[in-house]
Amino acid sequence: MKKFLLTAAFALFAAVLFTSCANKATANSQQLARKWMLVSYKDYSKQTLTDRNAYIDLTKRNGDQYSAYAGCNRMFFTMKSPSAGKINIGQVGSTMMFCADKMDVEGDFGKDLPEMTQYKIEGHKLVLTGNGKRMEFVAEDWD
């Protein structure tokens, strides 16, 4: 009887542990599913990023396709489901307009975004890092 109770207790503990881990991964994915405004990136001032309306939109579009913007062209990319602080962003494509004096942030952002491999959500902030680079965002809907 003791062995049965011990086995049942262990099974219950394992079920609770796995369920809480699965719920945490789902919660993190749901927390990511927002529009995030870029507020810190390379040596660009926050004012420049704000003036360019730079953002990443992680609300799912078609399949695994998401969008971004950094001053001129609409950008799009794929992203596999994030897990445990890891993120996998595919190559970035964009429309092909030329906007004088707005291509610097956009060019760097489009090139660096696929290099982001880690993410951390800190309240209303999202931090992406990878290859020694860092991007900081704030949730658009945050007051």
Protein backbone atom coordinates (compact mmCIF):
# COMPACT_ATOMS: atom_id res chain seq x y z
CA MET A 1 0.00 0.00 0.00
CA LYS A 2 2.86 2.40 0.85
CA LYS A 3 4.46 1.71 -2.51
CA PHE A 4 1.17 2.42 -4.30
CA LEU A 5 0.68 5.71 -2.42
CA LEU A 6 4.25 6.77 -3.08
CA THR A 7 3.92 5.98 -6.80
CA ALA A 8 0.59 7.85 -6.99
CA ALA A 9 2.08 10.88 -5.19
CA PHE A 10 5.06 10.90 -7.57
CA ALA A 11 2.76 10.65 -10.62
CA LEU A 12 0.65 13.54 -9.32
CA PHE A 13 3.76 15.66 -8.66
CA ALA A 14 5.11 14.94 -12.18
CA ALA A 15 1.75 15.82 -13.76
CA VAL A 16 1.59 19.14 -11.88
CA LEU A 17 5.21 19.95 -12.76
CA PHE A 18 4.79 19.23 -16.49
CA THR A 19 1.49 21.10 -16.63
CA SER A 20 2.99 24.18 -14.97
CA CYS A 21 5.97 24.13 -17.38
CA ALA A 22 3.66 23.83 -20.39
CA ASN A 23 1.48 26.64 -19.05
CA LYS A 24 4.56 28.85 -18.55
CA ALA A 25 5.68 28.30 -22.19
CA THR A 26 2.16 29.10 -23.40
CA ALA A 27 2.03 32.17 -21.15
CA ASN A 28 5.37 33.43 -22.52
CA SER A 29 4.16 32.96 -26.10
CA GLN A 30 0.98 34.83 -25.26
CA GLN A 31 2.97 37.64 -23.60
CA LEU A 32 5.06 37.99 -26.77
CA ALA A 33 1.95 38.30 -28.95
CA ARG A 34 1.84 42.11 -28.91
CA LYS A 35 3.06 45.05 -30.89
CA TRP A 36 6.37 46.20 -29.41
CA MET A 37 7.87 49.67 -29.95
CA LEU A 38 11.66 49.78 -30.37
CA VAL A 39 13.14 52.10 -27.73
CA SER A 40 16.81 51.11 -27.52
CA TYR A 41 19.01 49.81 -30.31
CA LYS A 42 22.67 50.34 -31.18
CA ASP A 43 23.67 54.00 -30.93
CA TYR A 44 20.33 55.33 -32.20
CA SER A 45 18.61 57.74 -29.84
CA LYS A 46 15.23 56.89 -28.42
CA GLN A 47 13.91 60.00 -30.18
CA THR A 48 15.14 58.71 -33.57
CA LEU A 49 13.50 55.32 -32.99
CA THR A 50 10.27 57.01 -31.89
CA ASP A 51 10.30 59.41 -34.85
CA ARG A 52 10.71 56.42 -37.20
CA ASN A 53 7.86 54.60 -35.46
CA ALA A 54 10.11 51.52 -35.25
CA TYR A 55 8.28 48.43 -34.03
CA ILE A 56 7.96 44.68 -34.20
CA ASP A 57 4.46 43.18 -34.35
CA LEU A 58 4.38 39.70 -32.86
CA THR A 59 0.65 39.19 -33.20
CA LYS A 60 0.43 36.27 -35.60
CA ARG A 61 -0.46 36.98 -39.21
CA ASN A 62 -0.60 34.24 -41.84
CA GLY A 63 0.87 31.03 -40.44
CA ASP A 64 4.13 31.96 -38.71
CA GLN A 65 4.52 35.33 -40.44
CA TYR A 66 5.00 38.53 -38.46
CA SER A 67 5.74 42.15 -39.35
CA ALA A 68 7.98 45.06 -38.42
CA TYR A 69 8.62 48.65 -39.44
CA ALA A 70 11.54 51.04 -38.96
CA GLY A 71 10.72 54.18 -40.89
CA CYS A 72 10.06 53.38 -44.55
CA ASN A 73 9.30 49.85 -45.73
CA ARG A 74 6.99 47.23 -44.30
CA MET A 75 9.08 44.27 -43.18
CA PHE A 76 7.98 40.69 -42.72
CA PHE A 77 9.60 37.59 -41.25
CA THR A 78 8.80 34.16 -39.90
CA MET A 79 9.31 33.06 -36.34
CA LYS A 80 9.08 29.59 -34.87
CA SER A 81 7.21 29.21 -31.59
CA PRO A 82 9.42 30.64 -28.86
CA SER A 83 10.31 28.50 -25.86
CA ALA A 84 12.23 28.96 -22.62
CA GLY A 85 13.70 32.33 -23.55
CA LYS A 86 14.80 31.14 -27.00
CA ILE A 87 13.54 32.72 -30.21
CA ASN A 88 14.12 31.73 -33.83
CA ILE A 89 13.49 34.50 -36.36
CA GLY A 90 13.82 33.84 -40.08
CA GLN A 91 15.26 36.17 -42.71
CA VAL A 92 13.57 39.55 -43.03
CA GLY A 93 11.95 40.62 -46.29
CA SER A 94 10.48 44.02 -47.09
CA THR A 95 8.83 46.23 -49.60
CA MET A 96 11.36 48.07 -51.79
CA MET A 97 10.74 51.81 -51.41
CA PHE A 98 13.59 54.27 -50.92
CA CYS A 99 13.14 56.92 -48.26
CA ALA A 100 15.98 59.40 -48.02
CA ASP A 101 17.32 59.86 -44.47
CA LYS A 102 15.33 56.88 -43.10
CA MET A 103 17.23 53.87 -44.40
CA ASP A 104 19.89 53.68 -41.66
CA VAL A 105 17.76 52.28 -38.82
CA GLU A 106 15.74 50.13 -41.20
CA GLY A 107 18.81 48.57 -42.84
CA ASP A 108 20.48 47.74 -39.52
CA PHE A 109 17.25 46.51 -37.94
CA GLY A 110 16.39 44.23 -40.86
CA LYS A 111 19.89 42.78 -40.88
CA ASP A 112 20.16 42.27 -37.10
CA LEU A 113 16.66 40.98 -36.32
CA PRO A 114 17.34 37.39 -37.54
CA GLU A 115 20.41 37.28 -35.27
CA MET A 116 18.25 37.66 -32.16
CA THR A 117 18.14 34.26 -30.45
CA GLN A 118 17.17 35.07 -26.85
CA TYR A 119 14.25 36.98 -25.43
CA LYS A 120 13.26 38.18 -22.00
CA ILE A 121 10.02 39.83 -20.95
CA GLU A 122 10.36 42.20 -18.02
CA GLY A 123 6.89 43.53 -17.26
CA HIS A 124 5.98 45.74 -20.21
CA LYS A 125 9.46 45.45 -21.77
CA LEU A 126 10.82 42.95 -24.27
CA VAL A 127 14.55 42.47 -24.67
CA LEU A 128 15.95 40.56 -27.66
CA THR A 129 19.62 39.57 -27.72
CA GLY A 130 21.93 37.62 -29.96
CA ASN A 131 25.42 37.80 -31.45
CA GLY A 132 26.41 40.46 -28.92
CA LYS A 133 23.57 42.72 -30.04
CA ARG A 134 20.59 43.96 -28.07
CA MET A 135 17.18 45.41 -28.93
CA GLU A 136 14.82 46.77 -26.29
CA PHE A 137 11.11 47.27 -26.86
CA VAL A 138 8.16 48.51 -24.86
CA ALA A 139 4.63 47.16 -25.34
CA GLU A 140 2.58 49.54 -27.48
CA ASP A 141 -0.48 49.08 -25.26
CA TRP A 142 1.40 49.88 -22.06
CA ASP A 143 0.34 53.09 -20.31
